[in-house]
């Protein structure tokens, strides 16, 4: 996979310039997303759900996902999210 580094540059109103170069985007095999980061993103995005999801319910969903190989029926996951 041929991936080119990316540069983001932001110019503030005051003229200050902020620049960041990234060799590999997050999620690339060379820059993996860590499990804790993924859980954090899931929790953050769940806060935008049309139907509020309690922290306890989110914990249950993440626990199911963490042990998905052992879940006999994936409907348990869907039920936890509804």
C-alpha atoms as a PDB file:
ATOM      1  CA  UNK A   1       0.000   0.000   0.000  1.00  0.00           C
ATOM      2  CA  UNK A   2       1.566   3.249  -1.150  1.00  0.00           C
ATOM      3  CA  UNK A   3       0.615   5.918   1.391  1.00  0.00           C
ATOM      4  CA  UNK A   4       1.879   9.482   1.167  1.00  0.00           C
ATOM      5  CA  UNK A   5       2.442  11.589   4.281  1.00  0.00           C
ATOM      6  CA  UNK A   6      -0.135  14.330   4.786  1.00  0.00           C
ATOM      7  CA  UNK A   7       0.346  17.877   6.058  1.00  0.00           C
ATOM      8  CA  UNK A   8      -2.372  19.994   7.628  1.00  0.00           C
ATOM      9  CA  UNK A   9      -1.774  23.713   7.993  1.00  0.00           C
ATOM     10  CA  UNK A  10      -3.990  26.140   9.897  1.00  0.00           C
ATOM     11  CA  UNK A  11      -3.510  29.891   9.680  1.00  0.00           C
ATOM     12  CA  UNK A  12      -4.952  31.853  12.594  1.00  0.00           C
ATOM     13  CA  UNK A  13      -6.453  35.315  12.188  1.00  0.00           C
ATOM     14  CA  UNK A  14      -3.485  36.757  14.069  1.00  0.00           C
ATOM     15  CA  UNK A  15      -1.173  35.314  11.404  1.00  0.00           C
ATOM     16  CA  UNK A  16       0.161  32.432  13.457  1.00  0.00           C
ATOM     17  CA  UNK A  17       0.557  29.195  11.484  1.00  0.00           C
ATOM     18  CA  UNK A  18       0.105  25.721  12.955  1.00  0.00           C
ATOM     19  CA  UNK A  19       1.296  22.756  10.961  1.00  0.00           C
ATOM     20  CA  UNK A  20       1.196  19.018  11.563  1.00  0.00           C
ATOM     21  CA  UNK A  21       2.645  16.284   9.376  1.00  0.00           C
ATOM     22  CA  UNK A  22       1.324  12.739   9.660  1.00  0.00           C
ATOM     23  CA  UNK A  23       3.201   9.862   8.075  1.00  0.00           C
ATOM     24  CA  UNK A  24       0.330   7.379   8.511  1.00  0.00           C
ATOM     25  CA  UNK A  25      -3.310   8.205   9.212  1.00  0.00           C
ATOM     26  CA  UNK A  26      -4.865   6.817  12.381  1.00  0.00           C
ATOM     27  CA  UNK A  27      -6.179   3.338  11.608  1.00  0.00           C
ATOM     28  CA  UNK A  28      -3.389   2.526   9.176  1.00  0.00           C
ATOM     29  CA  UNK A  29      -1.605  -0.698  10.204  1.00  0.00           C
ATOM     30  CA  UNK A  30       1.466   1.440  10.910  1.00  0.00           C
ATOM     31  CA  UNK A  31      -0.576   3.709  13.221  1.00  0.00           C
ATOM     32  CA  UNK A  32      -3.176   1.437  14.784  1.00  0.00           C
ATOM     33  CA  UNK A  33      -6.172   2.584  16.798  1.00  0.00           C
ATOM     34  CA  UNK A  34      -5.724   1.307  20.356  1.00  0.00           C
ATOM     35  CA  UNK A  35      -8.653  -0.468  22.059  1.00  0.00           C
ATOM     36  CA  UNK A  36      -8.990   2.289  24.679  1.00  0.00           C
ATOM     37  CA  UNK A  37      -9.105   4.923  21.936  1.00  0.00           C
ATOM     38  CA  UNK A  38     -11.790   2.963  20.107  1.00  0.00           C
ATOM     39  CA  UNK A  39     -13.887   2.654  23.275  1.00  0.00           C
ATOM     40  CA  UNK A  40     -13.512   6.370  23.908  1.00  0.00           C
ATOM     41  CA  UNK A  41     -14.619   7.209  20.371  1.00  0.00           C
ATOM     42  CA  UNK A  42     -17.600   4.862  20.707  1.00  0.00           C
ATOM     43  CA  UNK A  43     -18.667   6.517  23.965  1.00  0.00           C
ATOM     44  CA  UNK A  44     -18.280   9.990  22.485  1.00  0.00           C
ATOM     45  CA  UNK A  45     -20.260   9.175  19.347  1.00  0.00           C
ATOM     46  CA  UNK A  46     -22.952   7.399  21.382  1.00  0.00           C
ATOM     47  CA  UNK A  47     -23.594  10.711  23.146  1.00  0.00           C
ATOM     48  CA  UNK A  48     -25.048  11.957  19.841  1.00  0.00           C
ATOM     49  CA  UNK A  49     -27.572   9.105  19.678  1.00  0.00           C
ATOM     50  CA  UNK A  50     -31.172  10.137  19.047  1.00  0.00           C
ATOM     51  CA  UNK A  51     -32.159   7.909  21.973  1.00  0.00           C
ATOM     52  CA  UNK A  52     -29.910   8.517  25.003  1.00  0.00           C
ATOM     53  CA  UNK A  53     -27.809   5.528  26.074  1.00  0.00           C
ATOM     54  CA  UNK A  54     -26.858   5.259  29.745  1.00  0.00           C
ATOM     55  CA  UNK A  55     -23.256   4.744  30.824  1.00  0.00           C
ATOM     56  CA  UNK A  56     -24.271   1.390  32.269  1.00  0.00           C
ATOM     57  CA  UNK A  57     -25.709   0.334  28.902  1.00  0.00           C
ATOM     58  CA  UNK A  58     -22.571   1.511  27.112  1.00  0.00           C
ATOM     59  CA  UNK A  59     -20.474  -0.547  29.534  1.00  0.00           C
ATOM     60  CA  UNK A  60     -22.627  -3.605  28.731  1.00  0.00           C
ATOM     61  CA  UNK A  61     -22.251  -3.073  24.980  1.00  0.00           C
ATOM     62  CA  UNK A  62     -18.482  -2.649  25.231  1.00  0.00           C
ATOM     63  CA  UNK A  63     -18.255  -5.768  27.395  1.00  0.00           C
ATOM     64  CA  UNK A  64     -20.202  -7.729  24.767  1.00  0.00           C
ATOM     65  CA  UNK A  65     -17.981  -6.392  21.999  1.00  0.00           C
ATOM     66  CA  UNK A  66     -14.857  -7.225  23.982  1.00  0.00           C
ATOM     67  CA  UNK A  67     -16.021 -10.858  24.202  1.00  0.00           C
ATOM     68  CA  UNK A  68     -17.852 -11.091  20.884  1.00  0.00           C
ATOM     69  CA  UNK A  69     -16.365 -14.512  20.080  1.00  0.00           C
ATOM     70  CA  UNK A  70     -18.145 -15.908  23.142  1.00  0.00           C
ATOM     71  CA  UNK A  71     -21.558 -14.326  22.427  1.00  0.00           C
ATOM     72  CA  UNK A  72     -23.890 -17.119  21.326  1.00  0.00           C
ATOM     73  CA  UNK A  73     -26.478 -14.833  19.743  1.00  0.00           C
ATOM     74  CA  UNK A  74     -25.550 -11.394  18.405  1.00  0.00           C
ATOM     75  CA  UNK A  75     -29.115 -10.259  19.017  1.00  0.00           C
ATOM     76  CA  UNK A  76     -27.931  -9.624  22.582  1.00  0.00           C
ATOM     77  CA  UNK A  77     -25.761  -6.856  21.170  1.00  0.00           C
ATOM     78  CA  UNK A  78     -28.661  -5.321  19.243  1.00  0.00           C
ATOM     79  CA  UNK A  79     -30.897  -5.520  22.319  1.00  0.00           C
ATOM     80  CA  UNK A  80     -28.247  -3.783  24.408  1.00  0.00           C
ATOM     81  CA  UNK A  81     -28.267  -0.897  21.929  1.00  0.00           C
ATOM     82  CA  UNK A  82     -32.046  -0.491  21.751  1.00  0.00           C
END
